């Protein structure tokens, strides 16, 4: 999502890091009968970025952060106990099978993660990550699923990590890649798994439903995704911005005129729409909100000179092969398999109101969709504190979210799931 044009929004935890931590083995750690902790690849940039820890209850941060609860030294992971001491945690035995598979001219890297001693045949979920360029292999989501007894297949999106190909945000091509990943996962798992499906987060919410149709999956889950076009995403972001600043319905209607104009330029791949954009800039030149709009791309296009947009707009803002009119609702309507959608109630990157409305309409049509909303969470299911000027500071992933994802796949409903509200 944010930034759809240039990568995913990176919400990071504040706090200084002691130093680059020694290499920890990515995986699940913890004592039997106690909540596990996942050690995963860095989300920051640069070779010195520390590994990350994620607890099942959503607490998350940098390994070896100052006064942090998780340390790693010489490959040993330790967790702070109630008395303040750090205790070494055993790594869970998981069966990890690295593999490579082909999809549309690129060889992609993947790994199948299975419980070492499964209780029967677990479901298999293929992880479809969002617009980020960090590798899917080694991420916290696959290990968080594995920590709850599921089989998981993670793979590096084309152009990221150990996978070949050029990085793209072409949803149809990414769905084909995800379907190929499912084929490979089923082949590697043999008869050791039961139901098979997809999880897609953020932009993966556009990709996973299409992949589920291609792969004849049994289920699909979406976290903080959108049931709208990328053009509507930009408009909804701008609307939420104006609402938070206290503008009335009349001003918001005028903002929609502006996003219609910037969207026309973007959807034309910078071949037309410039006259319409110039007209709205003249029309609203004296409006105080005009140059405060951000959206997904609207703010950047408004700030540009028309000549520059005509000459270099496409390579700078439209170089990822995005289908700006991608019909997400049609992709969902084509599915008759169970779907779980989990939305962040105060999502600035993927505003949830229109998505909730459309999912509710699909439920009324008889589509088997379960819908949960977590209040006071932003994109990524992050809880936050907010300053008077609207600046947000991430605190944690909301509690109950990871349990909901795994229980729903297992068809085992054990509420409550934190503050999550099931929408009837």
Protein backbone atom coordinates (compact mmCIF):
# COMPACT_ATOMS: atom_id res chain seq x y z
CA UNK A 1 0.00 0.00 0.00
CA UNK A 2 1.76 3.14 1.12
CA UNK A 3 3.68 3.68 -0.85
CA UNK A 4 1.99 1.75 -3.61
CA UNK A 5 4.17 3.47 -6.19
CA UNK A 6 7.44 3.16 -4.33
CA UNK A 7 7.07 0.40 -1.74
CA UNK A 8 5.16 -0.48 1.41
CA UNK A 9 4.72 1.78 4.40
CA UNK A 10 7.42 0.96 6.92
CA UNK A 11 6.12 1.35 10.48
CA UNK A 12 9.07 0.96 12.82
CA UNK A 13 9.51 0.78 16.57
CA UNK A 14 11.31 3.59 18.30
CA UNK A 15 14.29 2.81 20.51
CA UNK A 16 18.02 2.65 20.04
CA UNK A 17 19.73 -0.59 19.17
CA UNK A 18 22.79 -1.65 21.09
CA UNK A 19 24.57 -2.85 17.95
CA UNK A 20 24.08 -5.17 15.03
CA UNK A 21 23.14 -8.44 16.69
CA UNK A 22 25.03 -11.65 16.06
CA UNK A 23 23.31 -13.88 13.55
CA UNK A 24 20.30 -15.57 15.10
CA UNK A 25 18.74 -18.53 13.38
CA UNK A 26 15.34 -17.42 12.13
CA UNK A 27 12.57 -19.50 13.62
CA UNK A 28 10.38 -20.11 16.65
CA UNK A 29 11.74 -20.13 20.21
CA UNK A 30 10.20 -20.89 23.57
CA UNK A 31 9.59 -23.38 26.32
CA UNK A 32 6.80 -25.92 26.11
CA UNK A 33 3.55 -24.51 27.42
CA UNK A 34 4.66 -20.87 27.21
CA UNK A 35 3.95 -18.33 24.45
CA UNK A 36 6.63 -18.56 21.75
CA UNK A 37 8.69 -15.78 20.21
CA UNK A 38 9.62 -15.59 16.52
CA UNK A 39 13.02 -14.35 15.35
CA UNK A 40 12.85 -13.08 11.77
CA UNK A 41 14.70 -11.09 9.15
CA UNK A 42 15.30 -7.35 9.57
CA UNK A 43 12.71 -4.89 8.33
CA UNK A 44 15.18 -2.01 8.27
CA UNK A 45 17.55 -1.14 5.47
CA UNK A 46 21.24 -1.98 5.36
CA UNK A 47 23.40 -4.94 6.28
CA UNK A 48 23.65 -3.77 9.91
CA UNK A 49 19.90 -3.78 10.56
CA UNK A 50 19.12 -6.01 13.56
CA UNK A 51 16.89 -9.06 13.46
CA UNK A 52 13.35 -8.68 14.74
CA UNK A 53 11.42 -10.45 17.47
CA UNK A 54 7.65 -10.97 17.45
CA UNK A 55 5.63 -12.51 20.26
CA UNK A 56 2.35 -14.30 19.66
CA UNK A 57 0.55 -11.47 21.48
CA UNK A 58 1.94 -8.92 18.98
CA UNK A 59 4.79 -7.35 20.94
CA UNK A 60 7.52 -6.67 18.44
CA UNK A 61 10.85 -4.90 18.06
CA UNK A 62 14.57 -5.16 17.37
CA UNK A 63 16.58 -8.00 18.85
CA UNK A 64 19.20 -6.58 21.27
CA UNK A 65 17.44 -3.21 21.49
CA UNK A 66 18.28 -1.19 24.59
CA UNK A 67 16.22 -2.57 27.49
CA UNK A 68 14.43 -4.85 25.02
CA UNK A 69 12.91 -8.19 26.08
CA UNK A 70 14.78 -10.36 23.56
CA UNK A 71 18.52 -10.82 23.17
CA UNK A 72 20.69 -12.92 20.93
CA UNK A 73 24.36 -13.64 21.68
CA UNK A 74 26.44 -16.26 19.89
CA UNK A 75 23.31 -17.78 18.40
CA UNK A 76 21.51 -18.17 21.75
CA UNK A 77 18.13 -16.44 22.05
CA UNK A 78 17.17 -15.22 25.54
CA UNK A 79 13.91 -13.69 26.75
CA UNK A 80 13.47 -11.47 29.79
CA UNK A 81 11.45 -13.12 32.55
CA UNK A 82 9.10 -11.55 35.13
CA UNK A 83 11.97 -11.20 37.61
CA UNK A 84 14.09 -9.27 35.08
CA UNK A 85 16.54 -12.07 34.35
CA UNK A 86 17.07 -13.34 30.79
CA UNK A 87 16.54 -17.05 30.18
CA UNK A 88 17.78 -18.96 27.14
CA UNK A 89 14.97 -20.32 24.95
CA UNK A 90 15.13 -23.57 22.97
CA UNK A 91 14.46 -23.36 19.24
CA UNK A 92 11.45 -25.31 18.07
CA UNK A 93 12.10 -28.20 15.73
CA UNK A 94 10.52 -27.42 12.37
CA UNK A 95 10.87 -29.28 9.11
CA UNK A 96 12.12 -26.70 6.58
CA UNK A 97 12.49 -27.69 2.93
CA UNK A 98 14.12 -25.07 0.68
CA UNK A 99 13.16 -25.20 -3.00
CA UNK A 100 13.18 -23.32 -6.28
CA UNK A 101 10.38 -23.25 -8.83
CA UNK A 102 9.63 -21.61 -12.17
CA UNK A 103 6.95 -19.06 -12.98
CA UNK A 104 6.69 -17.05 -16.19
CA UNK A 105 10.37 -16.89 -17.03
CA UNK A 106 11.71 -16.47 -13.50
CA UNK A 107 13.04 -18.99 -11.01
CA UNK A 108 11.69 -18.19 -7.56
CA UNK A 109 13.04 -19.24 -4.17
CA UNK A 110 10.71 -20.76 -1.58
CA UNK A 111 10.68 -22.83 1.60
CA UNK A 112 8.10 -25.21 3.02
CA UNK A 113 7.88 -25.04 6.83
CA UNK A 114 6.11 -27.90 8.61
CA UNK A 115 5.68 -29.01 12.23
CA UNK A 116 8.33 -31.62 13.03
CA UNK A 117 5.74 -33.74 14.86
CA UNK A 118 2.34 -32.72 13.51
CA UNK A 119 -0.89 -33.64 15.22
CA UNK A 120 -2.57 -35.15 12.17
CA UNK A 121 -2.49 -33.39 8.83
CA UNK A 122 -2.21 -29.62 9.31
CA UNK A 123 -3.64 -27.10 6.84
CA UNK A 124 -1.16 -25.50 4.45
CA UNK A 125 -1.08 -21.74 3.89
CA UNK A 126 0.94 -20.00 1.17
CA UNK A 127 2.12 -16.58 2.31
CA UNK A 128 1.69 -13.74 -0.21
CA UNK A 129 3.45 -10.62 1.02
CA UNK A 130 2.63 -7.05 0.11
CA UNK A 131 4.47 -4.40 -1.87
CA UNK A 132 7.59 -4.55 0.28
CA UNK A 133 10.90 -5.59 -1.27
CA UNK A 134 12.09 -7.50 1.79
CA UNK A 135 12.20 -11.27 1.23
CA UNK A 136 9.21 -13.40 2.16
CA UNK A 137 11.55 -16.17 3.32
CA UNK A 138 12.65 -15.51 6.88
CA UNK A 139 9.75 -13.16 7.64
CA UNK A 140 7.75 -13.29 10.84
CA UNK A 141 4.34 -14.19 9.37
CA UNK A 142 5.32 -17.68 8.12
CA UNK A 143 6.97 -18.55 11.43
CA UNK A 144 4.02 -17.16 13.37
CA UNK A 145 1.74 -19.52 11.43
CA UNK A 146 4.18 -22.41 12.02
CA UNK A 147 4.28 -21.58 15.76
CA UNK A 148 0.56 -22.37 15.82
CA UNK A 149 0.90 -25.76 14.16
CA UNK A 150 0.25 -24.86 10.50
CA UNK A 151 2.29 -25.85 7.46
CA UNK A 152 3.46 -22.75 5.61
CA UNK A 153 5.06 -22.04 2.25
CA UNK A 154 6.94 -18.76 2.00
CA UNK A 155 8.65 -17.46 -1.11
CA UNK A 156 10.56 -14.42 -2.24
CA UNK A 157 8.54 -12.33 -4.65
CA UNK A 158 10.14 -11.94 -8.07
CA UNK A 159 12.93 -9.41 -7.94
CA UNK A 160 13.38 -9.75 -4.17
CA UNK A 161 15.60 -11.90 -1.98
CA UNK A 162 16.88 -15.02 -3.74
CA UNK A 163 14.27 -14.95 -6.53
CA UNK A 164 14.97 -14.02 -10.12
CA UNK A 165 13.00 -11.60 -12.28
CA UNK A 166 12.21 -7.92 -12.09
CA UNK A 167 10.34 -6.47 -9.14
CA UNK A 168 6.80 -5.58 -10.15
CA UNK A 169 3.40 -4.75 -8.73
CA UNK A 170 1.47 -6.29 -11.61
CA UNK A 171 -1.25 -8.09 -9.68
CA UNK A 172 -2.07 -10.70 -12.32
CA UNK A 173 1.59 -11.73 -12.73
CA UNK A 174 2.07 -11.86 -8.96
CA UNK A 175 -1.05 -14.02 -8.67
CA UNK A 176 0.38 -16.40 -11.27
CA UNK A 177 3.59 -16.58 -9.20
CA UNK A 178 1.61 -17.30 -6.03
CA UNK A 179 -0.37 -20.03 -7.79
CA UNK A 180 2.92 -21.58 -8.94
CA UNK A 181 4.10 -21.42 -5.32
CA UNK A 182 0.99 -23.31 -4.24
CA UNK A 183 1.64 -25.99 -6.86
CA UNK A 184 5.19 -26.40 -5.58
CA UNK A 185 4.07 -26.43 -1.95
CA UNK A 186 1.51 -29.16 -2.58
CA UNK A 187 4.11 -31.20 -4.41
CA UNK A 188 6.63 -30.92 -1.57
CA UNK A 189 4.07 -31.58 1.17
CA UNK A 190 2.73 -34.68 -0.54
CA UNK A 191 -0.05 -36.17 1.56
CA UNK A 192 1.10 -34.57 4.82
CA UNK A 193 -1.34 -31.61 4.71
CA UNK A 194 -5.11 -31.15 4.55
CA UNK A 195 -6.78 -27.91 3.36
CA UNK A 196 -4.64 -25.52 1.32
CA UNK A 197 -5.06 -21.78 0.91
CA UNK A 198 -3.48 -18.32 0.87
CA UNK A 199 -2.83 -15.44 3.21
CA UNK A 200 -2.21 -12.01 1.69
CA UNK A 201 -1.37 -8.87 3.63
CA UNK A 202 -1.77 -5.28 2.40
CA UNK A 203 -1.19 -5.30 -1.38
CA UNK A 204 -1.23 -9.10 -1.10
CA UNK A 205 -4.96 -8.69 -0.55
CA UNK A 206 -5.28 -7.85 -4.24
CA UNK A 207 -3.09 -10.81 -5.22
CA UNK A 208 -4.19 -13.66 -2.94
CA UNK A 209 -7.86 -13.91 -4.06
CA UNK A 210 -6.82 -14.08 -7.72
CA UNK A 211 -4.17 -16.69 -6.87
CA UNK A 212 -6.78 -18.70 -4.94
CA UNK A 213 -8.96 -18.90 -8.05
CA UNK A 214 -6.03 -19.94 -10.24
CA UNK A 215 -4.81 -22.60 -7.79
CA UNK A 216 -8.27 -23.92 -6.82
CA UNK A 217 -7.52 -23.20 -3.17
CA UNK A 218 -9.74 -24.15 -0.24
CA UNK A 219 -9.61 -20.77 1.54
CA UNK A 220 -8.09 -17.30 1.45
CA UNK A 221 -7.26 -14.82 4.20
CA UNK A 222 -6.59 -11.10 3.77
CA UNK A 223 -5.10 -8.80 6.37
CA UNK A 224 -5.51 -4.98 6.08
CA UNK A 225 -6.26 -5.22 2.34
CA UNK A 226 -8.67 -3.39 0.04
CA UNK A 227 -11.77 -4.29 -1.94
CA UNK A 228 -11.34 -1.37 -4.33
CA UNK A 229 -9.17 -0.17 -7.23
CA UNK A 230 -5.76 1.44 -6.64
CA UNK A 231 -7.31 4.71 -7.89
CA UNK A 232 -9.98 4.48 -5.19
CA UNK A 233 -7.28 3.79 -2.61
CA UNK A 234 -5.67 7.17 -3.34
CA UNK A 235 -9.04 8.90 -3.12
CA UNK A 236 -9.98 7.19 0.13
CA UNK A 237 -6.65 8.16 1.68
CA UNK A 238 -7.23 11.80 0.73
CA UNK A 239 -10.77 11.69 2.15
CA UNK A 240 -9.54 10.30 5.48
CA UNK A 241 -6.87 13.01 5.63
CA UNK A 242 -9.50 15.70 5.19
CA UNK A 243 -11.82 14.11 7.73
CA UNK A 244 -9.04 14.00 10.32
CA UNK A 245 -8.36 17.69 9.71
CA UNK A 246 -12.00 18.54 10.35
CA UNK A 247 -13.12 19.53 6.85
CA UNK A 248 -16.82 19.27 6.05
CA UNK A 249 -18.61 17.20 3.42
CA UNK A 250 -18.56 20.05 0.86
CA UNK A 251 -14.75 20.33 1.07
CA UNK A 252 -14.38 16.57 0.84
CA UNK A 253 -16.51 16.54 -2.33
CA UNK A 254 -14.10 19.06 -3.84
CA UNK A 255 -11.16 16.90 -2.82
CA UNK A 256 -12.75 14.05 -4.77
CA UNK A 257 -12.70 16.27 -7.87
CA UNK A 258 -8.98 16.67 -7.40
CA UNK A 259 -8.29 12.96 -6.96
CA UNK A 260 -10.44 12.20 -10.01
CA UNK A 261 -8.12 14.47 -12.00
CA UNK A 262 -4.86 13.04 -10.64
CA UNK A 263 -6.26 9.54 -11.09
CA UNK A 264 -7.04 10.23 -14.75
CA UNK A 265 -3.40 11.16 -15.36
CA UNK A 266 -2.11 8.13 -13.47
CA UNK A 267 -4.49 5.65 -15.13
CA UNK A 268 -3.53 6.97 -18.58
CA UNK A 269 0.10 6.20 -17.73
CA UNK A 270 0.83 9.90 -18.15
CA UNK A 271 -0.46 10.11 -21.72
CA UNK A 272 -3.53 12.30 -21.03
CA UNK A 273 -5.59 14.07 -18.38
CA UNK A 274 -3.25 17.03 -17.95
CA UNK A 275 -5.85 19.58 -18.97
CA UNK A 276 -8.30 18.26 -16.36
CA UNK A 277 -5.57 18.35 -13.69
CA UNK A 278 -4.62 21.93 -14.60
CA UNK A 279 -8.28 22.95 -14.42
CA UNK A 280 -8.82 21.66 -10.87
CA UNK A 281 -5.55 23.24 -9.73
CA UNK A 282 -6.81 26.61 -11.02
CA UNK A 283 -10.31 26.07 -9.62
CA UNK A 284 -9.13 25.30 -6.09
CA UNK A 285 -5.92 27.34 -6.05
CA UNK A 286 -7.12 29.41 -3.09
CA UNK A 287 -8.41 26.49 -1.04
CA UNK A 288 -6.23 25.94 2.07
CA UNK A 289 -6.46 22.16 1.77
CA UNK A 290 -5.22 21.84 -1.83
CA UNK A 291 -1.54 21.57 -1.02
CA UNK A 292 -2.04 19.57 2.16
CA UNK A 293 -3.41 16.52 0.33
CA UNK A 294 -1.09 13.51 0.28
CA UNK A 295 -3.06 10.43 -0.75
CA UNK A 296 -1.15 7.61 -2.43
CA UNK A 297 0.16 9.82 -5.22
CA UNK A 298 -2.13 12.89 -5.50
CA UNK A 299 0.01 15.16 -3.35
CA UNK A 300 3.09 14.44 -5.43
CA UNK A 301 1.30 15.04 -8.72
CA UNK A 302 -0.19 18.32 -7.47
CA UNK A 303 3.27 19.56 -6.49
CA UNK A 304 4.78 18.84 -9.91
CA UNK A 305 5.05 21.17 -12.89
CA UNK A 306 2.93 19.96 -15.81
CA UNK A 307 5.88 19.95 -18.19
CA UNK A 308 7.84 17.73 -15.80
CA UNK A 309 4.91 15.36 -15.40
CA UNK A 310 4.51 15.04 -19.15
CA UNK A 311 8.22 14.40 -19.63
CA UNK A 312 9.21 12.21 -16.67
CA UNK A 313 6.03 11.39 -14.72
CA UNK A 314 5.65 7.83 -15.97
CA UNK A 315 9.14 6.54 -15.10
CA UNK A 316 9.00 8.18 -11.68
CA UNK A 317 5.45 7.42 -10.55
CA UNK A 318 4.15 4.65 -12.78
CA UNK A 319 7.02 2.22 -13.32
CA UNK A 320 5.70 -0.89 -11.55
CA UNK A 321 3.08 -2.13 -14.05
CA UNK A 322 0.14 -1.42 -11.76
CA UNK A 323 -3.34 -1.94 -13.18
CA UNK A 324 -4.93 1.20 -11.77
CA UNK A 325 -8.42 -0.06 -12.61
CA UNK A 326 -7.88 -3.53 -11.08
CA UNK A 327 -11.34 -4.85 -10.20
CA UNK A 328 -10.84 -6.32 -6.73
CA UNK A 329 -14.57 -6.84 -6.17
CA UNK A 330 -14.88 -8.95 -9.32
CA UNK A 331 -12.00 -11.14 -8.12
CA UNK A 332 -13.78 -11.69 -4.81
CA UNK A 333 -17.16 -12.31 -6.41
CA UNK A 334 -15.56 -15.06 -8.55
CA UNK A 335 -14.66 -17.04 -5.41
CA UNK A 336 -17.00 -19.45 -3.67
CA UNK A 337 -14.46 -20.58 -1.07
CA UNK A 338 -14.35 -19.27 2.53
CA UNK A 339 -12.64 -15.90 2.97
CA UNK A 340 -11.45 -14.16 6.12
CA UNK A 341 -10.87 -10.41 5.99
CA UNK A 342 -9.27 -8.61 8.93
CA UNK A 343 -9.29 -4.81 8.73
CA UNK A 344 -7.55 -2.10 10.74
CA UNK A 345 -10.17 0.30 12.06
CA UNK A 346 -8.06 3.48 11.73
CA UNK A 347 -6.00 2.52 8.70
CA UNK A 348 -4.55 5.57 6.97
CA UNK A 349 -2.94 3.61 4.12
CA UNK A 350 -5.86 1.29 3.39
CA UNK A 351 -8.95 3.10 4.76
CA UNK A 352 -11.42 0.39 5.65
CA UNK A 353 -14.88 1.98 5.34
CA UNK A 354 -15.46 1.32 1.63
CA UNK A 355 -13.89 -2.15 1.84
CA UNK A 356 -16.13 -3.04 4.78
CA UNK A 357 -19.19 -1.80 2.88
CA UNK A 358 -18.34 -3.88 -0.19
CA UNK A 359 -17.48 -7.01 1.78
CA UNK A 360 -20.78 -6.70 3.65
CA UNK A 361 -22.60 -6.45 0.31
CA UNK A 362 -20.82 -9.60 -0.91
CA UNK A 363 -21.86 -11.38 2.30
CA UNK A 364 -25.46 -10.42 1.56
CA UNK A 365 -25.03 -11.98 -1.88
CA UNK A 366 -24.19 -15.23 -0.12
CA UNK A 367 -20.41 -15.19 -0.37
CA UNK A 368 -18.81 -17.09 2.54
CA UNK A 369 -16.88 -14.14 3.97
CA UNK A 370 -15.95 -13.66 7.63
CA UNK A 371 -15.09 -10.07 8.49
CA UNK A 372 -13.27 -8.74 11.56
CA UNK A 373 -12.29 -5.16 12.38
CA UNK A 374 -9.76 -4.17 15.04
CA UNK A 375 -10.46 -0.67 16.38
CA UNK A 376 -7.61 1.76 17.06
CA UNK A 377 -5.21 -0.02 14.70
CA UNK A 378 -3.35 1.31 11.68
CA UNK A 379 -1.98 -0.45 8.60
CA UNK A 380 -0.29 -3.73 9.52
CA UNK A 381 -2.68 -4.17 12.49
CA UNK A 382 -0.44 -1.88 14.53
CA UNK A 383 -1.69 -0.21 17.67
CA UNK A 384 -0.36 3.32 18.13
CA UNK A 385 -0.22 6.47 20.19
CA UNK A 386 -1.00 9.76 18.49
CA UNK A 387 0.35 13.27 19.06
CA UNK A 388 -1.80 16.38 18.95
CA UNK A 389 -0.57 17.09 15.41
CA UNK A 390 -1.72 13.65 14.22
CA UNK A 391 1.71 12.00 14.19
CA UNK A 392 1.42 8.34 15.10
CA UNK A 393 3.89 6.15 16.99
CA UNK A 394 3.57 2.39 16.59
CA UNK A 395 3.51 0.37 19.80
CA UNK A 396 2.75 -3.25 18.80
CA UNK A 397 0.72 -5.54 16.56
CA UNK A 398 -2.68 -5.87 18.19
CA UNK A 399 -3.18 -8.87 20.48
CA UNK A 400 -5.41 -11.68 19.20
CA UNK A 401 -4.72 -11.02 15.51
CA UNK A 402 -2.27 -13.89 14.98
CA UNK A 403 -4.46 -16.33 16.91
CA UNK A 404 -7.48 -15.35 14.81
CA UNK A 405 -5.61 -16.04 11.55
CA UNK A 406 -4.49 -19.51 12.64
CA UNK A 407 -7.72 -20.56 14.34
CA UNK A 408 -9.79 -19.55 11.31
CA UNK A 409 -7.61 -21.65 9.01
CA UNK A 410 -7.95 -24.59 11.40
CA UNK A 411 -11.74 -24.01 11.50
CA UNK A 412 -11.46 -23.69 15.27
CA UNK A 413 -13.24 -20.61 16.62
CA UNK A 414 -11.94 -19.66 20.09
CA UNK A 415 -12.87 -16.03 20.79
CA UNK A 416 -12.21 -13.49 22.07
CA UNK A 417 -9.43 -12.36 19.76
CA UNK A 418 -8.24 -9.28 21.60
CA UNK A 419 -10.29 -6.25 20.60
CA UNK A 420 -11.28 -7.79 17.25
CA UNK A 421 -14.95 -7.26 16.40
CA UNK A 422 -16.70 -9.75 14.15
CA UNK A 423 -18.98 -7.90 11.75
CA UNK A 424 -22.27 -9.78 11.32
